Amino acid sequence: RIPSAILIGVLGTAFTLFLVMSTNLID
């Protein structure tokens, strides 16, 4: 479970960085 939690955290971080670099908050 713990390594899996780290993997999902990395995935979410990647999605977040993509969004904050390409759009605004409301969009």
mmCIF file of all heavy atoms, coordinates in Angstrom:
data_MODEL
# 
_entry.id   MODEL 
# 
loop_
_atom_site.group_PDB 
_atom_site.id 
_atom_site.type_symbol 
_atom_site.label_atom_id 
_atom_site.label_alt_id 
_atom_site.label_comp_id 
_atom_site.label_asym_id 
_atom_site.label_entity_id 
_atom_site.label_seq_id 
_atom_site.pdbx_PDB_ins_code 
_atom_site.Cartn_x 
_atom_site.Cartn_y 
_atom_site.Cartn_z 
_atom_site.occupancy 
_atom_site.B_iso_or_equiv 
_atom_site.pdbx_formal_charge 
_atom_site.auth_seq_id 
_atom_site.auth_comp_id 
_atom_site.auth_asym_id 
_atom_site.auth_atom_id 
_atom_site.pdbx_PDB_model_num 
ATOM 1   N N   . ARG A 1 1  ? 0.806   -1.217 0.000   1.00 0.00 ? 1  ARG A N   1 
ATOM 2   C CA  . ARG A 1 1  ? 0.000   0.000  0.000   1.00 0.00 ? 1  ARG A CA  1 
ATOM 3   C C   . ARG A 1 1  ? 0.840   1.269  0.000   1.00 0.00 ? 1  ARG A C   1 
ATOM 4   O O   . ARG A 1 1  ? 0.532   2.242  -0.705  1.00 0.00 ? 1  ARG A O   1 
ATOM 5   C CB  . ARG A 1 1  ? -0.940  -0.003 1.228   1.00 0.00 ? 1  ARG A CB  1 
ATOM 6   C CG  . ARG A 1 1  ? -2.035  1.053  1.163   1.00 0.00 ? 1  ARG A CG  1 
ATOM 7   C CD  . ARG A 1 1  ? -2.753  1.193  2.473   1.00 0.00 ? 1  ARG A CD  1 
ATOM 8   N NE  . ARG A 1 1  ? -1.884  1.767  3.500   1.00 0.00 ? 1  ARG A NE  1 
ATOM 9   C CZ  . ARG A 1 1  ? -1.608  3.063  3.601   1.00 0.00 ? 1  ARG A CZ  1 
ATOM 10  N NH1 . ARG A 1 1  ? -2.105  3.916  2.726   1.00 0.00 ? 1  ARG A NH1 1 
ATOM 11  N NH2 . ARG A 1 1  ? -0.829  3.512  4.563   1.00 0.00 ? 1  ARG A NH2 1 
ATOM 12  N N   . ILE A 1 2  ? 1.919   1.295  0.768   1.00 0.00 ? 2  ILE A N   1 
ATOM 13  C CA  . ILE A 1 2  ? 2.702   2.529  0.898   1.00 0.00 ? 2  ILE A CA  1 
ATOM 14  C C   . ILE A 1 2  ? 3.393   2.914  -0.419  1.00 0.00 ? 2  ILE A C   1 
ATOM 15  O O   . ILE A 1 2  ? 3.291   4.080  -0.855  1.00 0.00 ? 2  ILE A O   1 
ATOM 16  C CB  . ILE A 1 2  ? 3.705   2.410  2.061   1.00 0.00 ? 2  ILE A CB  1 
ATOM 17  C CG1 . ILE A 1 2  ? 2.930   2.372  3.393   1.00 0.00 ? 2  ILE A CG1 1 
ATOM 18  C CG2 . ILE A 1 2  ? 4.706   3.569  2.049   1.00 0.00 ? 2  ILE A CG2 1 
ATOM 19  C CD1 . ILE A 1 2  ? 3.810   2.156  4.612   1.00 0.00 ? 2  ILE A CD1 1 
ATOM 20  N N   . PRO A 1 3  ? 4.101   1.985  -1.115  1.00 0.00 ? 3  PRO A N   1 
ATOM 21  C CA  . PRO A 1 3  ? 4.645   2.362  -2.427  1.00 0.00 ? 3  PRO A CA  1 
ATOM 22  C C   . PRO A 1 3  ? 3.563   2.789  -3.411  1.00 0.00 ? 3  PRO A C   1 
ATOM 23  O O   . PRO A 1 3  ? 3.785   3.679  -4.244  1.00 0.00 ? 3  PRO A O   1 
ATOM 24  C CB  . PRO A 1 3  ? 5.346   1.073  -2.892  1.00 0.00 ? 3  PRO A CB  1 
ATOM 25  C CG  . PRO A 1 3  ? 5.661   0.343  -1.649  1.00 0.00 ? 3  PRO A CG  1 
ATOM 26  C CD  . PRO A 1 3  ? 4.530   0.638  -0.712  1.00 0.00 ? 3  PRO A CD  1 
ATOM 27  N N   . SER A 1 4  ? 2.392   2.167  -3.303  1.00 0.00 ? 4  SER A N   1 
ATOM 28  C CA  . SER A 1 4  ? 1.288   2.535  -4.188  1.00 0.00 ? 4  SER A CA  1 
ATOM 29  C C   . SER A 1 4  ? 0.821   3.960  -3.913  1.00 0.00 ? 4  SER A C   1 
ATOM 30  O O   . SER A 1 4  ? 0.479   4.711  -4.838  1.00 0.00 ? 4  SER A O   1 
ATOM 31  C CB  . SER A 1 4  ? 0.126   1.556  -4.000  1.00 0.00 ? 4  SER A CB  1 
ATOM 32  O OG  . SER A 1 4  ? -0.920  1.848  -4.899  1.00 0.00 ? 4  SER A OG  1 
ATOM 33  N N   . ALA A 1 5  ? 0.816   4.362  -2.630  1.00 0.00 ? 5  ALA A N   1 
ATOM 34  C CA  . ALA A 1 5  ? 0.437   5.737  -2.274  1.00 0.00 ? 5  ALA A CA  1 
ATOM 35  C C   . ALA A 1 5  ? 1.411   6.735  -2.891  1.00 0.00 ? 5  ALA A C   1 
ATOM 36  O O   . ALA A 1 5  ? 1.012   7.809  -3.367  1.00 0.00 ? 5  ALA A O   1 
ATOM 37  C CB  . ALA A 1 5  ? 0.411   5.893  -0.753  1.00 0.00 ? 5  ALA A CB  1 
ATOM 38  N N   . ILE A 1 6  ? 2.676   6.392  -2.891  1.00 0.00 ? 6  ILE A N   1 
ATOM 39  C CA  . ILE A 1 6  ? 3.683   7.277  -3.485  1.00 0.00 ? 6  ILE A CA  1 
ATOM 40  C C   . ILE A 1 6  ? 3.459   7.408  -4.986  1.00 0.00 ? 6  ILE A C   1 
ATOM 41  O O   . ILE A 1 6  ? 3.548   8.507  -5.559  1.00 0.00 ? 6  ILE A O   1 
ATOM 42  C CB  . ILE A 1 6  ? 5.104   6.752  -3.182  1.00 0.00 ? 6  ILE A CB  1 
ATOM 43  C CG1 . ILE A 1 6  ? 5.353   6.793  -1.663  1.00 0.00 ? 6  ILE A CG1 1 
ATOM 44  C CG2 . ILE A 1 6  ? 6.155   7.562  -3.922  1.00 0.00 ? 6  ILE A CG2 1 
ATOM 45  C CD1 . ILE A 1 6  ? 6.647   6.120  -1.235  1.00 0.00 ? 6  ILE A CD1 1 
ATOM 46  N N   . LEU A 1 7  ? 3.131   6.305  -5.655  1.00 0.00 ? 7  LEU A N   1 
ATOM 47  C CA  . LEU A 1 7  ? 2.892   6.336  -7.096  1.00 0.00 ? 7  LEU A CA  1 
ATOM 48  C C   . LEU A 1 7  ? 1.709   7.219  -7.456  1.00 0.00 ? 7  LEU A C   1 
ATOM 49  O O   . LEU A 1 7  ? 1.775   8.019  -8.393  1.00 0.00 ? 7  LEU A O   1 
ATOM 50  C CB  . LEU A 1 7  ? 2.654   4.917  -7.617  1.00 0.00 ? 7  LEU A CB  1 
ATOM 51  C CG  . LEU A 1 7  ? 3.885   4.037  -7.824  1.00 0.00 ? 7  LEU A CG  1 
ATOM 52  C CD1 . LEU A 1 7  ? 3.473   2.637  -8.268  1.00 0.00 ? 7  LEU A CD1 1 
ATOM 53  C CD2 . LEU A 1 7  ? 4.823   4.654  -8.854  1.00 0.00 ? 7  LEU A CD2 1 
ATOM 54  N N   . ILE A 1 8  ? 0.612   7.084  -6.715  1.00 0.00 ? 8  ILE A N   1 
ATOM 55  C CA  . ILE A 1 8  ? -0.561  7.903  -7.011  1.00 0.00 ? 8  ILE A CA  1 
ATOM 56  C C   . ILE A 1 8  ? -0.266  9.372  -6.721  1.00 0.00 ? 8  ILE A C   1 
ATOM 57  O O   . ILE A 1 8  ? -0.747  10.272 -7.411  1.00 0.00 ? 8  ILE A O   1 
ATOM 58  C CB  . ILE A 1 8  ? -1.803  7.426  -6.224  1.00 0.00 ? 8  ILE A CB  1 
ATOM 59  C CG1 . ILE A 1 8  ? -3.069  8.148  -6.713  1.00 0.00 ? 8  ILE A CG1 1 
ATOM 60  C CG2 . ILE A 1 8  ? -1.655  7.642  -4.734  1.00 0.00 ? 8  ILE A CG2 1 
ATOM 61  C CD1 . ILE A 1 8  ? -3.467  7.803  -8.112  1.00 0.00 ? 8  ILE A CD1 1 
ATOM 62  N N   . GLY A 1 9  ? 0.575   9.641  -5.723  1.00 0.00 ? 9  GLY A N   1 
ATOM 63  C CA  . GLY A 1 9  ? 0.979   11.018 -5.447  1.00 0.00 ? 9  GLY A CA  1 
ATOM 64  C C   . GLY A 1 9  ? 1.773   11.618 -6.585  1.00 0.00 ? 9  GLY A C   1 
ATOM 65  O O   . GLY A 1 9  ? 1.590   12.789 -6.957  1.00 0.00 ? 9  GLY A O   1 
ATOM 66  N N   . VAL A 1 10 ? 2.653   10.833 -7.175  1.00 0.00 ? 10 VAL A N   1 
ATOM 67  C CA  . VAL A 1 10 ? 3.449   11.300 -8.319  1.00 0.00 ? 10 VAL A CA  1 
ATOM 68  C C   . VAL A 1 10 ? 2.544   11.595 -9.508  1.00 0.00 ? 10 VAL A C   1 
ATOM 69  O O   . VAL A 1 10 ? 2.705   12.616 -10.204 1.00 0.00 ? 10 VAL A O   1 
ATOM 70  C CB  . VAL A 1 10 ? 4.516   10.250 -8.696  1.00 0.00 ? 10 VAL A CB  1 
ATOM 71  C CG1 . VAL A 1 10 ? 5.191   10.614 -10.014 1.00 0.00 ? 10 VAL A CG1 1 
ATOM 72  C CG2 . VAL A 1 10 ? 5.558   10.132 -7.591  1.00 0.00 ? 10 VAL A CG2 1 
ATOM 73  N N   . LEU A 1 11 ? 1.561   10.704 -9.756  1.00 0.00 ? 11 LEU A N   1 
ATOM 74  C CA  . LEU A 1 11 ? 0.620   10.918 -10.860 1.00 0.00 ? 11 LEU A CA  1 
ATOM 75  C C   . LEU A 1 11 ? -0.169  12.202 -10.666 1.00 0.00 ? 11 LEU A C   1 
ATOM 76  O O   . LEU A 1 11 ? -0.301  13.016 -11.589 1.00 0.00 ? 11 LEU A O   1 
ATOM 77  C CB  . LEU A 1 11 ? -0.335  9.721  -10.959 1.00 0.00 ? 11 LEU A CB  1 
ATOM 78  C CG  . LEU A 1 11 ? -1.437  9.825  -12.027 1.00 0.00 ? 11 LEU A CG  1 
ATOM 79  C CD1 . LEU A 1 11 ? -0.826  9.790  -13.418 1.00 0.00 ? 11 LEU A CD1 1 
ATOM 80  C CD2 . LEU A 1 11 ? -2.442  8.685  -11.864 1.00 0.00 ? 11 LEU A CD2 1 
ATOM 81  N N   . GLY A 1 12 ? -0.697  12.404 -9.459  1.00 0.00 ? 12 GLY A N   1 
ATOM 82  C CA  . GLY A 1 12 ? -1.462  13.617 -9.182  1.00 0.00 ? 12 GLY A CA  1 
ATOM 83  C C   . GLY A 1 12 ? -0.625  14.877 -9.307  1.00 0.00 ? 12 GLY A C   1 
ATOM 84  O O   . GLY A 1 12 ? -1.094  15.907 -9.804  1.00 0.00 ? 12 GLY A O   1 
ATOM 85  N N   . THR A 1 13 ? 0.622   14.803 -8.866  1.00 0.00 ? 13 THR A N   1 
ATOM 86  C CA  . THR A 1 13 ? 1.530   15.958 -8.975  1.00 0.00 ? 13 THR A CA  1 
ATOM 87  C C   . THR A 1 13 ? 1.763   16.319 -10.433 1.00 0.00 ? 13 THR A C   1 
ATOM 88  O O   . THR A 1 13 ? 1.766   17.504 -10.806 1.00 0.00 ? 13 THR A O   1 
ATOM 89  C CB  . THR A 1 13 ? 2.869   15.658 -8.283  1.00 0.00 ? 13 THR A CB  1 
ATOM 90  O OG1 . THR A 1 13 ? 2.628   15.324 -6.913  1.00 0.00 ? 13 THR A OG1 1 
ATOM 91  C CG2 . THR A 1 13 ? 3.789   16.866 -8.340  1.00 0.00 ? 13 THR A CG2 1 
ATOM 92  N N   . ALA A 1 14 ? 1.952   15.311 -11.279 1.00 0.00 ? 14 ALA A N   1 
ATOM 93  C CA  . ALA A 1 14 ? 2.179   15.559 -12.703 1.00 0.00 ? 14 ALA A CA  1 
ATOM 94  C C   . ALA A 1 14 ? 0.964   16.227 -13.339 1.00 0.00 ? 14 ALA A C   1 
ATOM 95  O O   . ALA A 1 14 ? 1.093   17.201 -14.099 1.00 0.00 ? 14 ALA A O   1 
ATOM 96  C CB  . ALA A 1 14 ? 2.498   14.242 -13.412 1.00 0.00 ? 14 ALA A CB  1 
ATOM 97  N N   . PHE A 1 15 ? -0.234  15.727 -13.032 1.00 0.00 ? 15 PHE A N   1 
ATOM 98  C CA  . PHE A 1 15 ? -1.452  16.345 -13.548 1.00 0.00 ? 15 PHE A CA  1 
ATOM 99  C C   . PHE A 1 15 ? -1.574  17.795 -13.082 1.00 0.00 ? 15 PHE A C   1 
ATOM 100 O O   . PHE A 1 15 ? -1.949  18.686 -13.845 1.00 0.00 ? 15 PHE A O   1 
ATOM 101 C CB  . PHE A 1 15 ? -2.685  15.562 -13.075 1.00 0.00 ? 15 PHE A CB  1 
ATOM 102 C CG  . PHE A 1 15 ? -2.926  14.274 -13.811 1.00 0.00 ? 15 PHE A CG  1 
ATOM 103 C CD1 . PHE A 1 15 ? -3.676  13.264 -13.232 1.00 0.00 ? 15 PHE A CD1 1 
ATOM 104 C CD2 . PHE A 1 15 ? -2.421  14.073 -15.079 1.00 0.00 ? 15 PHE A CD2 1 
ATOM 105 C CE1 . PHE A 1 15 ? -3.910  12.072 -13.904 1.00 0.00 ? 15 PHE A CE1 1 
ATOM 106 C CE2 . PHE A 1 15 ? -2.644  12.891 -15.762 1.00 0.00 ? 15 PHE A CE2 1 
ATOM 107 C CZ  . PHE A 1 15 ? -3.387  11.885 -15.175 1.00 0.00 ? 15 PHE A CZ  1 
ATOM 108 N N   . THR A 1 16 ? -1.251  18.032 -11.813 1.00 0.00 ? 16 THR A N   1 
ATOM 109 C CA  . THR A 1 16 ? -1.374  19.374 -11.234 1.00 0.00 ? 16 THR A CA  1 
ATOM 110 C C   . THR A 1 16 ? -0.440  20.356 -11.923 1.00 0.00 ? 16 THR A C   1 
ATOM 111 O O   . THR A 1 16 ? -0.842  21.470 -12.289 1.00 0.00 ? 16 THR A O   1 
ATOM 112 C CB  . THR A 1 16 ? -1.067  19.347 -9.728  1.00 0.00 ? 16 THR A CB  1 
ATOM 113 O OG1 . THR A 1 16 ? -1.922  18.404 -9.084  1.00 0.00 ? 16 THR A OG1 1 
ATOM 114 C CG2 . THR A 1 16 ? -1.296  20.720 -9.106  1.00 0.00 ? 16 THR A CG2 1 
ATOM 115 N N   . LEU A 1 17 ? 0.810   19.958 -12.087 1.00 0.00 ? 17 LEU A N   1 
ATOM 116 C CA  . LEU A 1 17 ? 1.783   20.838 -12.738 1.00 0.00 ? 17 LEU A CA  1 
ATOM 117 C C   . LEU A 1 17 ? 1.354   21.167 -14.164 1.00 0.00 ? 17 LEU A C   1 
ATOM 118 O O   . LEU A 1 17 ? 1.515   22.302 -14.629 1.00 0.00 ? 17 LEU A O   1 
ATOM 119 C CB  . LEU A 1 17 ? 3.163   20.184 -12.735 1.00 0.00 ? 17 LEU A CB  1 
ATOM 120 C CG  . LEU A 1 17 ? 3.844   20.079 -11.364 1.00 0.00 ? 17 LEU A CG  1 
ATOM 121 C CD1 . LEU A 1 17 ? 5.135   19.283 -11.459 1.00 0.00 ? 17 LEU A CD1 1 
ATOM 122 C CD2 . LEU A 1 17 ? 4.125   21.475 -10.792 1.00 0.00 ? 17 LEU A CD2 1 
ATOM 123 N N   . PHE A 1 18 ? 0.773   20.190 -14.852 1.00 0.00 ? 18 PHE A N   1 
ATOM 124 C CA  . PHE A 1 18 ? 0.279   20.449 -16.205 1.00 0.00 ? 18 PHE A CA  1 
ATOM 125 C C   . PHE A 1 18 ? -0.829  21.495 -16.188 1.00 0.00 ? 18 PHE A C   1 
ATOM 126 O O   . PHE A 1 18 ? -0.853  22.432 -16.995 1.00 0.00 ? 18 PHE A O   1 
ATOM 127 C CB  . PHE A 1 18 ? -0.226  19.155 -16.840 1.00 0.00 ? 18 PHE A CB  1 
ATOM 128 C CG  . PHE A 1 18 ? -0.943  19.364 -18.145 1.00 0.00 ? 18 PHE A CG  1 
ATOM 129 C CD1 . PHE A 1 18 ? -0.241  19.621 -19.317 1.00 0.00 ? 18 PHE A CD1 1 
ATOM 130 C CD2 . PHE A 1 18 ? -2.344  19.334 -18.206 1.00 0.00 ? 18 PHE A CD2 1 
ATOM 131 C CE1 . PHE A 1 18 ? -0.906  19.830 -20.517 1.00 0.00 ? 18 PHE A CE1 1 
ATOM 132 C CE2 . PHE A 1 18 ? -3.013  19.542 -19.400 1.00 0.00 ? 18 PHE A CE2 1 
ATOM 133 C CZ  . PHE A 1 18 ? -2.291  19.790 -20.562 1.00 0.00 ? 18 PHE A CZ  1 
ATOM 134 N N   . LEU A 1 19 ? -1.774  21.351 -15.250 1.00 0.00 ? 19 LEU A N   1 
ATOM 135 C CA  . LEU A 1 19 ? -2.908  22.266 -15.181 1.00 0.00 ? 19 LEU A CA  1 
ATOM 136 C C   . LEU A 1 19 ? -2.495  23.680 -14.800 1.00 0.00 ? 19 LEU A C   1 
ATOM 137 O O   . LEU A 1 19 ? -2.957  24.658 -15.399 1.00 0.00 ? 19 LEU A O   1 
ATOM 138 C CB  . LEU A 1 19 ? -3.953  21.738 -14.195 1.00 0.00 ? 19 LEU A CB  1 
ATOM 139 C CG  . LEU A 1 19 ? -4.804  20.558 -14.660 1.00 0.00 ? 19 LEU A CG  1 
ATOM 140 C CD1 . LEU A 1 19 ? -5.652  20.032 -13.519 1.00 0.00 ? 19 LEU A CD1 1 
ATOM 141 C CD2 . LEU A 1 19 ? -5.690  20.954 -15.835 1.00 0.00 ? 19 LEU A CD2 1 
ATOM 142 N N   . VAL A 1 20 ? -1.639  23.814 -13.790 1.00 0.00 ? 20 VAL A N   1 
ATOM 143 C CA  . VAL A 1 20 ? -1.289  25.151 -13.323 1.00 0.00 ? 20 VAL A CA  1 
ATOM 144 C C   . VAL A 1 20 ? -0.438  25.896 -14.352 1.00 0.00 ? 20 VAL A C   1 
ATOM 145 O O   . VAL A 1 20 ? -0.373  27.130 -14.337 1.00 0.00 ? 20 VAL A O   1 
ATOM 146 C CB  . VAL A 1 20 ? -0.552  25.107 -11.963 1.00 0.00 ? 20 VAL A CB  1 
ATOM 147 C CG1 . VAL A 1 20 ? -1.453  24.528 -10.890 1.00 0.00 ? 20 VAL A CG1 1 
ATOM 148 C CG2 . VAL A 1 20 ? 0.762   24.348 -12.043 1.00 0.00 ? 20 VAL A CG2 1 
ATOM 149 N N   . MET A 1 21 ? 0.200   25.164 -15.235 1.00 0.00 ? 21 MET A N   1 
ATOM 150 C CA  . MET A 1 21 ? 1.013   25.814 -16.263 1.00 0.00 ? 21 MET A CA  1 
ATOM 151 C C   . MET A 1 21 ? 0.215   26.170 -17.513 1.00 0.00 ? 21 MET A C   1 
ATOM 152 O O   . MET A 1 21 ? 0.678   26.942 -18.345 1.00 0.00 ? 21 MET A O   1 
ATOM 153 C CB  . MET A 1 21 ? 2.177   24.898 -16.678 1.00 0.00 ? 21 MET A CB  1 
ATOM 154 C CG  . MET A 1 21 ? 3.133   24.561 -15.567 1.00 0.00 ? 21 MET A CG  1 
ATOM 155 S SD  . MET A 1 21 ? 3.912   26.031 -14.849 1.00 0.00 ? 21 MET A SD  1 
ATOM 156 C CE  . MET A 1 21 ? 4.842   25.272 -13.508 1.00 0.00 ? 21 MET A CE  1 
ATOM 157 N N   . SER A 1 22 ? -0.991  25.592 -17.643 1.00 0.00 ? 22 SER A N   1 
ATOM 158 C CA  . SER A 1 22 ? -1.690  25.737 -18.918 1.00 0.00 ? 22 SER A CA  1 
ATOM 159 C C   . SER A 1 22 ? -3.072  26.370 -18.820 1.00 0.00 ? 22 SER A C   1 
ATOM 160 O O   . SER A 1 22 ? -3.719  26.585 -19.841 1.00 0.00 ? 22 SER A O   1 
ATOM 161 C CB  . SER A 1 22 ? -1.842  24.357 -19.575 1.00 0.00 ? 22 SER A CB  1 
ATOM 162 O OG  . SER A 1 22 ? -2.566  23.474 -18.738 1.00 0.00 ? 22 SER A OG  1 
ATOM 163 N N   . THR A 1 23 ? -3.555  26.673 -17.605 1.00 0.00 ? 23 THR A N   1 
ATOM 164 C CA  . THR A 1 23 ? -4.900  27.200 -17.477 1.00 0.00 ? 23 THR A CA  1 
ATOM 165 C C   . THR A 1 23 ? -5.017  28.050 -16.228 1.00 0.00 ? 23 THR A C   1 
ATOM 166 O O   . THR A 1 23 ? -4.047  28.202 -15.487 1.00 0.00 ? 23 THR A O   1 
ATOM 167 C CB  . THR A 1 23 ? -5.920  26.035 -17.430 1.00 0.00 ? 23 THR A CB  1 
ATOM 168 O OG1 . THR A 1 23 ? -7.244  26.572 -17.449 1.00 0.00 ? 23 THR A OG1 1 
ATOM 169 C CG2 . THR A 1 23 ? -5.735  25.190 -16.176 1.00 0.00 ? 23 THR A CG2 1 
ATOM 170 N N   . ASN A 1 24 ? -6.195  28.624 -15.991 1.00 0.00 ? 24 ASN A N   1 
ATOM 171 C CA  . ASN A 1 24 ? -6.430  29.354 -14.748 1.00 0.00 ? 24 ASN A CA  1 
ATOM 172 C C   . ASN A 1 24 ? -7.301  28.505 -13.826 1.00 0.00 ? 24 ASN A C   1 
ATOM 173 O O   . ASN A 1 24 ? -7.770  27.434 -14.199 1.00 0.00 ? 24 ASN A O   1 
ATOM 174 C CB  . ASN A 1 24 ? -7.078  30.725 -15.013 1.00 0.00 ? 24 ASN A CB  1 
ATOM 175 C CG  . ASN A 1 24 ? -8.423  30.621 -15.729 1.00 0.00 ? 24 ASN A CG  1 
ATOM 176 O OD1 . ASN A 1 24 ? -9.241  29.752 -15.422 1.00 0.00 ? 24 ASN A OD1 1 
ATOM 177 N ND2 . ASN A 1 24 ? -8.657  31.511 -16.684 1.00 0.00 ? 24 ASN A ND2 1 
ATOM 178 N N   . LEU A 1 25 ? -7.542  29.002 -12.625 1.00 0.00 ? 25 LEU A N   1 
ATOM 179 C CA  . LEU A 1 25 ? -8.207  28.201 -11.608 1.00 0.00 ? 25 LEU A CA  1 
ATOM 180 C C   . LEU A 1 25 ? -9.633  27.823 -11.999 1.00 0.00 ? 25 LEU A C   1 
ATOM 181 O O   . LEU A 1 25 ? -10.016 26.650 -11.920 1.00 0.00 ? 25 LEU A O   1 
ATOM 182 C CB  . LEU A 1 25 ? -8.208  28.955 -10.278 1.00 0.00 ? 25 LEU A CB  1 
ATOM 183 C CG  . LEU A 1 25 ? -8.879  28.247 -9.092  1.00 0.00 ? 25 LEU A CG  1 
ATOM 184 C CD1 . LEU A 1 25 ? -8.236  26.896 -8.831  1.00 0.00 ? 25 LEU A CD1 1 
ATOM 185 C CD2 . LEU A 1 25 ? -8.820  29.119 -7.848  1.00 0.00 ? 25 LEU A CD2 1 
ATOM 186 N N   . ILE A 1 26 ? -10.428 28.777 -12.436 1.00 0.00 ? 26 ILE A N   1 
ATOM 187 C CA  . ILE A 1 26 ? -11.838 28.492 -12.712 1.00 0.00 ? 26 ILE A CA  1 
ATOM 188 C C   . ILE A 1 26 ? -11.986 27.540 -13.888 1.00 0.00 ? 26 ILE A C   1 
ATOM 189 O O   . ILE A 1 26 ? -12.819 26.624 -13.874 1.00 0.00 ? 26 ILE A O   1 
ATOM 190 C CB  . ILE A 1 26 ? -12.630 29.803 -12.956 1.00 0.00 ? 26 ILE A CB  1 
ATOM 191 C CG1 . ILE A 1 26 ? -14.129 29.517 -13.027 1.00 0.00 ? 26 ILE A CG1 1 
ATOM 192 C CG2 . ILE A 1 26 ? -12.131 30.506 -14.205 1.00 0.00 ? 26 ILE A CG2 1 
ATOM 193 C CD1 . ILE A 1 26 ? -14.726 29.048 -11.741 1.00 0.00 ? 26 ILE A CD1 1 
ATOM 194 N N   . ASP A 1 27 ? -11.153 27.711 -14.935 1.00 0.00 ? 27 ASP A N   1 
ATOM 195 C CA  . ASP A 1 27 ? -11.223 26.805 -16.078 1.00 0.00 ? 27 ASP A CA  1 
ATOM 196 C C   . ASP A 1 27 ? -10.812 25.389 -15.682 1.00 0.00 ? 27 ASP A C   1 
ATOM 197 O O   . ASP A 1 27 ? -11.428 24.399 -16.104 1.00 0.00 ? 27 ASP A O   1 
ATOM 198 C CB  . ASP A 1 27 ? -10.315 27.297 -17.208 1.00 0.00 ? 27 ASP A CB  1 
ATOM 199 C CG  . ASP A 1 27 ? -10.891 28.501 -17.932 1.00 0.00 ? 27 ASP A CG  1 
ATOM 200 O OD1 . ASP A 1 27 ? -12.101 28.759 -17.756 1.00 0.00 ? 27 ASP A OD1 1 
ATOM 201 O OD2 . ASP A 1 27 ? -10.148 29.181 -18.654 1.00 0.00 ? 27 ASP A OD2 1 
# 
